[in-house]
Amino acid sequence: MYEMMKNYKENEALRLSFNELAGKTFGLDFEDWYQNGFWRENYVPYSFVENGKVIANVSVNITDILWNGEIKKLIQLGTVMTEETHRNKGLIRQLMEEVEKDYGTEVDGMYLFANDSVVEFYPKFGYKKVLEYQYSKEVEITGEQTMKQVLMDNAEQWERLEKAMNENTFHGQFDMVNNNGLYMFYVSKFMQECVYYQEETDTYVIAEVDGNELMIHSIFSKKQVELDDIINAFGKEIKKVVLGFVPKDASGYQVTEVEEEDTTLFVKEAAMEGFTGKKLMFPTLAHA
C-alpha cells in the first residue's frame, strides 16, 4: 500500500531512503547537504512510500526570481524519480497533481528541466517548452589576476560566502533570490574549487576557468560592481567569457540559444509568458 509523504527531511529513515533512490537514479546523495545545514525549507520532497521505503518522488524547489526589480514566486520541479519496479503506475502523475493542489494558486509560475525521454509527459500538465539564451563575449584583458580562489571545504568559508549572499546587490536582470541552500548545494559539493574572492571590492564570484575561457555563474557583492571589472579581475589569460545569468547591460555580448544535451526547459503559468521573447535564461545555479 502506497502512502504519500511530504517534507520529511527530519525523518532520518525516509531521508536516507530518498537518498538511496536518488543515488540509484541520478548518482546524487543529499545527506551531506542536509548534515551541513543547507537542506532548508525551500526544498520539499513529495514521495510515495511503501513499507518504509521511498519508491517515487517529485521535489518542489522554491526558487524565487528577481525579474526587472520584481520578485516572481516560482517553484521548480526536480528529482523526479521512480523505483524501477514501480514505474508505469501513474505515481509521478499523482505527485504532480498534489503539488499543483498545494502550490497552483500560491505562486506566479512553475518550471522544470526535462530529459528527452519525458518531453511528451509534461505538456499534459500545461507546461510549455521554451528556449533559453546565453550571453558571451571575447575579451582582451591586460592586467593581472586579482581574483583569488577560495576553497569551499569548511564551515568558516561557507558562512562568509552565505553572508555575502545575504547582503548581495544583484548583477543580473533575472536572478535567483531567497535560496542560499541551492547555491550551497553546488559550492559545498561539486564546486568547492569554483569560488573566487576579490578583497578590494569585497566580491565573491562562483566561476569556472577552462583554459582561456571563463564561465561566471554568480556574483555576490554588497555594492554594485561593474561586470567588466569583475571579468578583468580574472587576468590576461582569459580570452572568452560566458555568463550563467542574464546581465543587466547586454551591450557587447553575443546572444545564442542554449543547447544542452538531453535537457529541455518547460514553464507554466501566465507570469512566465514572454520568457523566450525577452531572451532570458534561468541562472545556471538555479537548476535543482
C-alpha atoms as a PDB file:
ATOM      1  CA  MET A   1       0.000   0.000   0.000  1.00  0.00           C
ATOM      2  CA  TYR A   2       1.438   3.358  -1.030  1.00  0.00           C
ATOM      3  CA  GLU A   3       1.483   6.309   1.348  1.00  0.00           C
ATOM      4  CA  MET A   4       2.141   9.862   0.173  1.00  0.00           C
ATOM      5  CA  MET A   5       4.656  11.745   2.329  1.00  0.00           C
ATOM      6  CA  LYS A   6       5.806  15.373   2.085  1.00  0.00           C
ATOM      7  CA  ASN A   7       8.578  17.473   3.571  1.00  0.00           C
ATOM      8  CA  TYR A   8      10.042  14.700   5.706  1.00  0.00           C
ATOM      9  CA  LYS A   9      13.698  15.740   5.800  1.00  0.00           C
ATOM     10  CA  GLU A  10      13.845  15.390   9.596  1.00  0.00           C
ATOM     11  CA  ASN A  11      12.695  11.768   9.349  1.00  0.00           C
ATOM     12  CA  GLU A  12      16.058  10.025   9.108  1.00  0.00           C
ATOM     13  CA  ALA A  13      14.788   6.705   7.781  1.00  0.00           C
ATOM     14  CA  LEU A  14      12.785   8.323   4.962  1.00  0.00           C
ATOM     15  CA  ARG A  15      15.544  10.808   4.187  1.00  0.00           C
ATOM     16  CA  LEU A  16      18.099   8.023   3.817  1.00  0.00           C
ATOM     17  CA  SER A  17      15.678   6.037   1.655  1.00  0.00           C
ATOM     18  CA  PHE A  18      15.157   9.131  -0.508  1.00  0.00           C
ATOM     19  CA  ASN A  19      18.955   9.415  -0.818  1.00  0.00           C
ATOM     20  CA  GLU A  20      19.217   5.778  -1.782  1.00  0.00           C
ATOM     21  CA  LEU A  21      16.747   6.202  -4.639  1.00  0.00           C
ATOM     22  CA  ALA A  22      18.413   9.461  -5.748  1.00  0.00           C
ATOM     23  CA  GLY A  23      21.749   7.651  -5.777  1.00  0.00           C
ATOM     24  CA  LYS A  24      20.416   4.838  -7.954  1.00  0.00           C
ATOM     25  CA  THR A  25      18.604   7.214 -10.297  1.00  0.00           C
ATOM     26  CA  PHE A  26      20.941  10.213 -10.602  1.00  0.00           C
ATOM     27  CA  GLY A  27      24.112   9.327  -8.711  1.00  0.00           C
ATOM     28  CA  LEU A  28      23.241  12.000  -6.128  1.00  0.00           C
ATOM     29  CA  ASP A  29      23.369  11.946  -2.338  1.00  0.00           C
ATOM     30  CA  PHE A  30      21.744  14.789  -0.395  1.00  0.00           C
ATOM     31  CA  GLU A  31      22.885  13.650   3.052  1.00  0.00           C
ATOM     32  CA  ASP A  32      25.944  15.892   3.386  1.00  0.00           C
ATOM     33  CA  TRP A  33      23.828  18.806   2.149  1.00  0.00           C
ATOM     34  CA  TYR A  34      21.410  18.065   4.985  1.00  0.00           C
ATOM     35  CA  GLN A  35      24.102  17.497   7.620  1.00  0.00           C
ATOM     36  CA  ASN A  36      25.829  20.772   6.696  1.00  0.00           C
ATOM     37  CA  GLY A  37      22.579  22.654   7.268  1.00  0.00           C
ATOM     38  CA  PHE A  38      21.839  23.629   3.670  1.00  0.00           C
ATOM     39  CA  TRP A  39      18.731  21.486   3.054  1.00  0.00           C
ATOM     40  CA  ARG A  40      16.235  24.111   4.108  1.00  0.00           C
ATOM     41  CA  GLU A  41      12.539  24.808   3.704  1.00  0.00           C
ATOM     42  CA  ASN A  42      12.941  25.675   0.005  1.00  0.00           C
ATOM     43  CA  TYR A  43      13.385  22.009  -0.929  1.00  0.00           C
ATOM     44  CA  VAL A  44      10.292  19.855  -0.334  1.00  0.00           C
ATOM     45  CA  PRO A  45      10.138  16.225  -1.480  1.00  0.00           C
ATOM     46  CA  TYR A  46       6.751  14.748  -2.367  1.00  0.00           C
ATOM     47  CA  SER A  47       7.105  10.976  -2.246  1.00  0.00           C
ATOM     48  CA  PHE A  48       5.213   7.733  -2.320  1.00  0.00           C
ATOM     49  CA  VAL A  49       6.417   5.347   0.365  1.00  0.00           C
ATOM     50  CA  GLU A  50       5.900   1.588   0.523  1.00  0.00           C
ATOM     51  CA  ASN A  51       6.933  -0.426   3.565  1.00  0.00           C
ATOM     52  CA  GLY A  52       9.008   2.471   4.824  1.00  0.00           C
ATOM     53  CA  LYS A  53      10.884   2.989   1.541  1.00  0.00           C
ATOM     54  CA  VAL A  54      10.625   5.888  -0.888  1.00  0.00           C
ATOM     55  CA  ILE A  55       9.625   4.427  -4.253  1.00  0.00           C
ATOM     56  CA  ALA A  56       8.655   7.578  -6.225  1.00  0.00           C
ATOM     57  CA  ASN A  57       9.363  11.282  -5.837  1.00  0.00           C
ATOM     58  CA  VAL A  58       8.810  14.763  -7.231  1.00  0.00           C
ATOM     59  CA  SER A  59      10.600  17.535  -5.338  1.00  0.00           C
ATOM     60  CA  VAL A  60       9.460  21.139  -5.106  1.00  0.00           C
ATOM     61  CA  ASN A  61      12.241  23.688  -5.052  1.00  0.00           C
ATOM     62  CA  ILE A  62      11.034  27.183  -4.155  1.00  0.00           C
ATOM     63  CA  THR A  63      13.146  29.309  -6.469  1.00  0.00           C
ATOM     64  CA  ASP A  64      12.010  32.915  -6.475  1.00  0.00           C
ATOM     65  CA  ILE A  65      13.371  35.084  -9.266  1.00  0.00           C
ATOM     66  CA  LEU A  66      14.116  38.815  -9.191  1.00  0.00           C
ATOM     67  CA  TRP A  67      12.954  39.873 -12.645  1.00  0.00           C
ATOM     68  CA  ASN A  68      13.492  43.533 -13.529  1.00  0.00           C
ATOM     69  CA  GLY A  69      13.171  44.595  -9.914  1.00  0.00           C
ATOM     70  CA  GLU A  70      10.118  42.488  -9.088  1.00  0.00           C
ATOM     71  CA  ILE A  71      10.207  39.163  -7.244  1.00  0.00           C
ATOM     72  CA  LYS A  72       8.329  36.377  -9.013  1.00  0.00           C
ATOM     73  CA  LYS A  73       7.396  33.500  -6.721  1.00  0.00           C
ATOM     74  CA  LEU A  74       8.316  30.371  -8.667  1.00  0.00           C
ATOM     75  CA  ILE A  75       8.709  26.704  -7.932  1.00  0.00           C
ATOM     76  CA  GLN A  76      10.916  24.316  -9.829  1.00  0.00           C
ATOM     77  CA  LEU A  77      10.136  20.623 -10.017  1.00  0.00           C
ATOM     78  CA  GLY A  78      13.086  18.290  -9.814  1.00  0.00           C
ATOM     79  CA  THR A  79      14.469  14.972  -8.544  1.00  0.00           C
ATOM     80  CA  VAL A  80      11.660  13.241 -10.437  1.00  0.00           C
ATOM     81  CA  MET A  81      12.293   9.531  -9.967  1.00  0.00           C
ATOM     82  CA  THR A  82      10.580   6.174  -9.566  1.00  0.00           C
ATOM     83  CA  GLU A  83      11.934   2.861  -8.364  1.00  0.00           C
ATOM     84  CA  GLU A  84      12.251   0.640 -11.432  1.00  0.00           C
ATOM     85  CA  THR A  85       9.787  -1.983 -10.168  1.00  0.00           C
ATOM     86  CA  HIS A  86       7.103   0.671  -9.592  1.00  0.00           C
ATOM     87  CA  ARG A  87       7.225   2.511 -12.914  1.00  0.00           C
ATOM     88  CA  ASN A  88       4.261   2.965 -15.281  1.00  0.00           C
ATOM     89  CA  LYS A  89       1.771   3.050 -12.407  1.00  0.00           C
ATOM     90  CA  GLY A  90       0.920   6.765 -12.596  1.00  0.00           C
ATOM     91  CA  LEU A  91       2.760   7.621  -9.384  1.00  0.00           C
ATOM     92  CA  ILE A  92       4.535  10.704 -10.769  1.00  0.00           C
ATOM     93  CA  ARG A  93       1.254  11.975 -12.183  1.00  0.00           C
ATOM     94  CA  GLN A  94      -0.373  11.738  -8.741  1.00  0.00           C
ATOM     95  CA  LEU A  95       2.553  13.503  -7.072  1.00  0.00           C
ATOM     96  CA  MET A  96       2.444  16.318  -9.623  1.00  0.00           C
ATOM     97  CA  GLU A  97      -1.293  16.681  -9.079  1.00  0.00           C
ATOM     98  CA  GLU A  98      -0.644  17.025  -5.342  1.00  0.00           C
ATOM     99  CA  VAL A  99       1.997  19.687  -5.989  1.00  0.00           C
ATOM    100  CA  GLU A 100      -0.496  21.544  -8.200  1.00  0.00           C
ATOM    101  CA  LYS A 101      -3.097  21.383  -5.438  1.00  0.00           C
ATOM    102  CA  ASP A 102      -0.658  22.771  -2.861  1.00  0.00           C
ATOM    103  CA  TYR A 103       1.052  25.455  -4.936  1.00  0.00           C
ATOM    104  CA  GLY A 104      -1.038  26.137  -8.037  1.00  0.00           C
ATOM    105  CA  THR A 105      -2.686  29.291  -6.680  1.00  0.00           C
ATOM    106  CA  GLU A 106       0.183  30.320  -4.409  1.00  0.00           C
ATOM    107  CA  VAL A 107       2.935  31.013  -6.968  1.00  0.00           C
ATOM    108  CA  ASP A 108       3.480  33.061 -10.101  1.00  0.00           C
ATOM    109  CA  GLY A 109       4.778  30.159 -12.118  1.00  0.00           C
ATOM    110  CA  MET A 110       6.449  26.767 -12.252  1.00  0.00           C
ATOM    111  CA  TYR A 111       9.313  25.395 -14.291  1.00  0.00           C
ATOM    112  CA  LEU A 112      11.374  22.247 -14.740  1.00  0.00           C
ATOM    113  CA  PHE A 113      14.162  20.802 -16.819  1.00  0.00           C
ATOM    114  CA  ALA A 114      13.222  17.534 -18.520  1.00  0.00           C
ATOM    115  CA  ASN A 115      15.327  14.908 -20.222  1.00  0.00           C
ATOM    116  CA  ASP A 116      14.477  13.740 -23.704  1.00  0.00           C
ATOM    117  CA  SER A 117      12.604  10.619 -22.590  1.00  0.00           C
ATOM    118  CA  VAL A 118       9.789  12.595 -20.911  1.00  0.00           C
ATOM    119  CA  VAL A 119       9.292  15.671 -23.108  1.00  0.00           C
ATOM    120  CA  GLU A 120       5.837  14.395 -24.106  1.00  0.00           C
ATOM    121  CA  PHE A 121       4.756  13.975 -20.483  1.00  0.00           C
ATOM    122  CA  TYR A 122       4.885  17.488 -19.031  1.00  0.00           C
ATOM    123  CA  PRO A 123       2.708  19.276 -21.642  1.00  0.00           C
ATOM    124  CA  LYS A 124      -0.185  17.177 -20.285  1.00  0.00           C
ATOM    125  CA  PHE A 125       0.075  19.318 -17.148  1.00  0.00           C
ATOM    126  CA  GLY A 126       0.092  22.623 -19.006  1.00  0.00           C
ATOM    127  CA  TYR A 127       3.850  23.060 -19.265  1.00  0.00           C
ATOM    128  CA  LYS A 128       5.247  24.675 -22.398  1.00  0.00           C
ATOM    129  CA  LYS A 129       8.661  24.139 -23.920  1.00  0.00           C
ATOM    130  CA  VAL A 130      10.648  27.384 -24.112  1.00  0.00           C
ATOM    131  CA  LEU A 131      14.058  28.451 -25.311  1.00  0.00           C
ATOM    132  CA  GLU A 132      16.812  29.963 -23.192  1.00  0.00           C
ATOM    133  CA  TYR A 133      19.514  32.359 -24.346  1.00  0.00           C
ATOM    134  CA  GLN A 134      23.072  32.670 -23.085  1.00  0.00           C
ATOM    135  CA  TYR A 135      25.403  35.668 -23.175  1.00  0.00           C
ATOM    136  CA  SER A 136      29.097  35.543 -24.048  1.00  0.00           C
ATOM    137  CA  LYS A 137      31.860  37.692 -25.500  1.00  0.00           C
ATOM    138  CA  GLU A 138      35.507  37.699 -26.468  1.00  0.00           C
ATOM    139  CA  VAL A 139      37.714  39.812 -24.186  1.00  0.00           C
ATOM    140  CA  GLU A 140      41.203  41.267 -24.149  1.00  0.00           C
ATOM    141  CA  ILE A 141      42.478  41.794 -20.617  1.00  0.00           C
ATOM    142  CA  THR A 142      45.793  43.494 -19.960  1.00  0.00           C
ATOM    143  CA  GLY A 143      46.025  43.327 -16.170  1.00  0.00           C
ATOM    144  CA  GLU A 144      46.985  40.556 -13.773  1.00  0.00           C
ATOM    145  CA  GLN A 145      44.520  38.364 -11.903  1.00  0.00           C
ATOM    146  CA  THR A 146      43.254  39.833  -8.642  1.00  0.00           C
ATOM    147  CA  MET A 147      40.509  37.291  -8.029  1.00  0.00           C
ATOM    148  CA  LYS A 148      41.802  34.764  -5.506  1.00  0.00           C
ATOM    149  CA  GLN A 149      40.493  31.228  -5.343  1.00  0.00           C
ATOM    150  CA  VAL A 150      38.808  30.325  -2.050  1.00  0.00           C
ATOM    151  CA  LEU A 151      38.405  26.617  -1.270  1.00  0.00           C
ATOM    152  CA  MET A 152      34.868  25.973  -0.046  1.00  0.00           C
ATOM    153  CA  ASP A 153      35.566  22.933   2.112  1.00  0.00           C
ATOM    154  CA  ASN A 154      34.838  24.207   5.618  1.00  0.00           C
ATOM    155  CA  ALA A 155      32.102  25.860   7.664  1.00  0.00           C
ATOM    156  CA  GLU A 156      34.011  29.128   8.111  1.00  0.00           C
ATOM    157  CA  GLN A 157      34.233  29.757   4.377  1.00  0.00           C
ATOM    158  CA  TRP A 158      30.617  28.671   3.843  1.00  0.00           C
ATOM    159  CA  GLU A 159      29.497  31.181   6.467  1.00  0.00           C
ATOM    160  CA  ARG A 160      31.437  34.012   4.843  1.00  0.00           C
ATOM    161  CA  LEU A 161      30.035  33.236   1.418  1.00  0.00           C
ATOM    162  CA  GLU A 162      26.494  32.981   2.703  1.00  0.00           C
ATOM    163  CA  LYS A 163      26.865  36.334   4.453  1.00  0.00           C
ATOM    164  CA  ALA A 164      27.788  37.817   1.062  1.00  0.00           C
ATOM    165  CA  MET A 165      24.719  36.176  -0.455  1.00  0.00           C
ATOM    166  CA  ASN A 166      22.508  37.771   2.186  1.00  0.00           C
ATOM    167  CA  GLU A 167      23.968  41.226   1.517  1.00  0.00           C
ATOM    168  CA  ASN A 168      24.056  40.898  -2.245  1.00  0.00           C
ATOM    169  CA  THR A 169      23.353  43.602  -4.820  1.00  0.00           C
ATOM    170  CA  PHE A 170      22.227  41.678  -7.872  1.00  0.00           C
ATOM    171  CA  HIS A 171      24.104  41.890 -11.165  1.00  0.00           C
ATOM    172  CA  GLY A 172      21.554  40.282 -13.483  1.00  0.00           C
ATOM    173  CA  GLN A 173      18.099  41.084 -14.773  1.00  0.00           C
ATOM    174  CA  PHE A 174      16.758  37.584 -13.954  1.00  0.00           C
ATOM    175  CA  ASP A 175      18.355  36.416 -10.667  1.00  0.00           C
ATOM    176  CA  MET A 176      17.503  33.732  -8.125  1.00  0.00           C
ATOM    177  CA  VAL A 177      16.732  35.112  -4.658  1.00  0.00           C
ATOM    178  CA  ASN A 178      15.993  33.711  -1.194  1.00  0.00           C
ATOM    179  CA  ASN A 179      17.529  30.320  -1.919  1.00  0.00           C
ATOM    180  CA  ASN A 180      21.046  30.168  -0.467  1.00  0.00           C
ATOM    181  CA  GLY A 181      20.583  26.453   0.081  1.00  0.00           C
ATOM    182  CA  LEU A 182      20.598  25.738  -3.652  1.00  0.00           C
ATOM    183  CA  TYR A 183      23.750  27.789  -4.197  1.00  0.00           C
ATOM    184  CA  MET A 184      25.375  25.949  -1.300  1.00  0.00           C
ATOM    185  CA  PHE A 185      24.334  22.600  -2.770  1.00  0.00           C
ATOM    186  CA  TYR A 186      26.757  23.357  -5.580  1.00  0.00           C
ATOM    187  CA  VAL A 187      29.634  25.061  -3.792  1.00  0.00           C
ATOM    188  CA  SER A 188      29.763  22.692  -0.804  1.00  0.00           C
ATOM    189  CA  LYS A 189      29.731  19.597  -3.044  1.00  0.00           C
ATOM    190  CA  PHE A 190      30.745  19.754  -6.705  1.00  0.00           C
ATOM    191  CA  MET A 191      32.136  23.280  -6.966  1.00  0.00           C
ATOM    192  CA  GLN A 192      34.335  23.674  -3.896  1.00  0.00           C
ATOM    193  CA  GLU A 193      37.168  24.920  -6.127  1.00  0.00           C
ATOM    194  CA  CYS A 194      34.995  27.303  -8.139  1.00  0.00           C
ATOM    195  CA  VAL A 195      34.668  30.229  -5.734  1.00  0.00           C
ATOM    196  CA  TYR A 196      36.801  33.376  -6.030  1.00  0.00           C
ATOM    197  CA  TYR A 197      37.103  36.475  -3.887  1.00  0.00           C
ATOM    198  CA  GLN A 198      38.395  39.979  -4.568  1.00  0.00           C
ATOM    199  CA  GLU A 199      39.243  41.791  -1.365  1.00  0.00           C
ATOM    200  CA  GLU A 200      39.364  45.237  -2.976  1.00  0.00           C
ATOM    201  CA  THR A 201      35.653  45.160  -3.850  1.00  0.00           C
ATOM    202  CA  ASP A 202      34.552  42.557  -1.275  1.00  0.00           C
ATOM    203  CA  THR A 203      33.147  40.455  -4.110  1.00  0.00           C
ATOM    204  CA  TYR A 204      32.618  36.697  -4.344  1.00  0.00           C
ATOM    205  CA  VAL A 205      32.294  35.036  -7.734  1.00  0.00           C
ATOM    206  CA  ILE A 206      31.281  31.460  -8.485  1.00  0.00           C
ATOM    207  CA  ALA A 207      33.086  30.698 -11.717  1.00  0.00           C
ATOM    208  CA  GLU A 208      34.889  28.028 -13.714  1.00  0.00           C
ATOM    209  CA  VAL A 209      38.074  28.577 -15.685  1.00  0.00           C
ATOM    210  CA  ASP A 210      38.809  26.206 -18.552  1.00  0.00           C
ATOM    211  CA  GLY A 211      41.988  27.229 -20.332  1.00  0.00           C
ATOM    212  CA  ASN A 212      41.356  30.772 -21.547  1.00  0.00           C
ATOM    213  CA  GLU A 213      37.557  30.579 -21.130  1.00  0.00           C
ATOM    214  CA  LEU A 214      35.805  31.951 -18.056  1.00  0.00           C
ATOM    215  CA  MET A 215      32.321  30.799 -17.080  1.00  0.00           C
ATOM    216  CA  ILE A 216      30.762  33.123 -14.477  1.00  0.00           C
ATOM    217  CA  HIS A 217      27.801  31.544 -12.711  1.00  0.00           C
ATOM    218  CA  SER A 218      27.019  34.035  -9.941  1.00  0.00           C
ATOM    219  CA  ILE A 219      28.338  37.240  -8.351  1.00  0.00           C
ATOM    220  CA  PHE A 220      27.805  38.343  -4.756  1.00  0.00           C
ATOM    221  CA  SER A 221      28.802  41.825  -3.619  1.00  0.00           C
ATOM    222  CA  LYS A 222      27.403  44.334  -1.154  1.00  0.00           C
ATOM    223  CA  LYS A 223      27.925  47.190  -3.632  1.00  0.00           C
ATOM    224  CA  GLN A 224      27.278  47.149  -7.347  1.00  0.00           C
ATOM    225  CA  VAL A 225      30.487  46.295  -9.208  1.00  0.00           C
ATOM    226  CA  GLU A 226      30.904  46.741 -12.950  1.00  0.00           C
ATOM    227  CA  LEU A 227      30.693  43.358 -14.651  1.00  0.00           C
ATOM    228  CA  ASP A 228      33.652  44.204 -16.893  1.00  0.00           C
ATOM    229  CA  ASP A 229      35.734  44.971 -13.794  1.00  0.00           C
ATOM    230  CA  ILE A 230      34.895  41.554 -12.391  1.00  0.00           C
ATOM    231  CA  ILE A 231      35.848  39.908 -15.681  1.00  0.00           C
ATOM    232  CA  ASN A 232      39.116  41.858 -15.837  1.00  0.00           C
ATOM    233  CA  ALA A 233      39.958  40.697 -12.309  1.00  0.00           C
ATOM    234  CA  PHE A 234      40.464  37.177 -13.675  1.00  0.00           C
ATOM    235  CA  GLY A 235      43.549  38.328 -15.577  1.00  0.00           C
ATOM    236  CA  LYS A 236      45.003  38.426 -19.048  1.00  0.00           C
ATOM    237  CA  GLU A 237      44.880  34.677 -19.646  1.00  0.00           C
ATOM    238  CA  ILE A 238      41.119  34.938 -20.154  1.00  0.00           C
ATOM    239  CA  LYS A 239      40.075  35.413 -23.785  1.00  0.00           C
ATOM    240  CA  LYS A 240      36.372  34.497 -23.676  1.00  0.00           C
ATOM    241  CA  VAL A 241      33.634  34.953 -21.058  1.00  0.00           C
ATOM    242  CA  VAL A 242      30.369  33.030 -20.842  1.00  0.00           C
ATOM    243  CA  LEU A 243      27.701  34.124 -18.365  1.00  0.00           C
ATOM    244  CA  GLY A 244      25.467  31.810 -16.376  1.00  0.00           C
ATOM    245  CA  PHE A 245      22.927  34.611 -15.943  1.00  0.00           C
ATOM    246  CA  VAL A 246      21.451  37.468 -17.978  1.00  0.00           C
ATOM    247  CA  PRO A 247      23.431  40.681 -17.454  1.00  0.00           C
ATOM    248  CA  LYS A 248      21.665  43.954 -16.722  1.00  0.00           C
ATOM    249  CA  ASP A 249      23.528  45.539 -19.628  1.00  0.00           C
ATOM    250  CA  ALA A 250      23.907  43.120 -22.537  1.00  0.00           C
ATOM    251  CA  SER A 251      25.812  45.562 -24.756  1.00  0.00           C
ATOM    252  CA  GLY A 252      28.702  43.847 -26.498  1.00  0.00           C
ATOM    253  CA  TYR A 253      27.559  40.321 -25.718  1.00  0.00           C
ATOM    254  CA  GLN A 254      26.769  37.670 -28.276  1.00  0.00           C
ATOM    255  CA  VAL A 255      23.388  36.045 -27.584  1.00  0.00           C
ATOM    256  CA  THR A 256      22.894  32.404 -28.522  1.00  0.00           C
ATOM    257  CA  GLU A 257      20.264  29.751 -27.890  1.00  0.00           C
ATOM    258  CA  VAL A 258      21.148  27.422 -25.057  1.00  0.00           C
ATOM    259  CA  GLU A 259      21.655  23.914 -26.380  1.00  0.00           C
ATOM    260  CA  GLU A 260      22.144  21.467 -23.545  1.00  0.00           C
ATOM    261  CA  GLU A 261      22.115  17.794 -24.407  1.00  0.00           C
ATOM    262  CA  ASP A 262      19.142  15.817 -23.070  1.00  0.00           C
ATOM    263  CA  THR A 263      17.697  18.885 -21.320  1.00  0.00           C
ATOM    264  CA  THR A 264      14.556  20.872 -22.200  1.00  0.00           C
ATOM    265  CA  LEU A 265      13.121  23.753 -20.199  1.00  0.00           C
ATOM    266  CA  PHE A 266       9.366  23.778 -19.579  1.00  0.00           C
ATOM    267  CA  VAL A 267       7.467  26.636 -17.904  1.00  0.00           C
ATOM    268  CA  LYS A 268       3.909  27.095 -16.720  1.00  0.00           C
ATOM    269  CA  GLU A 269       1.631  29.999 -15.714  1.00  0.00           C
ATOM    270  CA  ALA A 270       0.962  33.435 -17.170  1.00  0.00           C
ATOM    271  CA  ALA A 271       3.796  35.069 -15.237  1.00  0.00           C
ATOM    272  CA  MET A 272       6.243  33.240 -17.490  1.00  0.00           C
ATOM    273  CA  GLU A 273       4.685  34.443 -20.732  1.00  0.00           C
ATOM    274  CA  GLY A 274       7.224  36.311 -22.828  1.00  0.00           C
ATOM    275  CA  PHE A 275      10.167  34.423 -21.346  1.00  0.00           C
ATOM    276  CA  THR A 276      11.585  33.439 -24.722  1.00  0.00           C
ATOM    277  CA  GLY A 277      10.839  36.788 -26.346  1.00  0.00           C
ATOM    278  CA  LYS A 278      12.963  38.582 -23.770  1.00  0.00           C
ATOM    279  CA  LYS A 279      15.946  36.275 -24.433  1.00  0.00           C
ATOM    280  CA  LEU A 280      16.328  35.104 -20.863  1.00  0.00           C
ATOM    281  CA  MET A 281      17.822  32.082 -19.174  1.00  0.00           C
ATOM    282  CA  PHE A 282      17.431  30.709 -15.688  1.00  0.00           C
ATOM    283  CA  PRO A 283      20.680  31.191 -13.772  1.00  0.00           C
ATOM    284  CA  THR A 284      22.823  28.081 -14.162  1.00  0.00           C
ATOM    285  CA  LEU A 285      22.904  27.602 -10.391  1.00  0.00           C
ATOM    286  CA  ALA A 286      19.105  27.797 -10.188  1.00  0.00           C
ATOM    287  CA  HIS A 287      18.847  24.273 -11.616  1.00  0.00           C
ATOM    288  CA  ALA A 288      17.666  21.889  -8.894  1.00  0.00           C
END
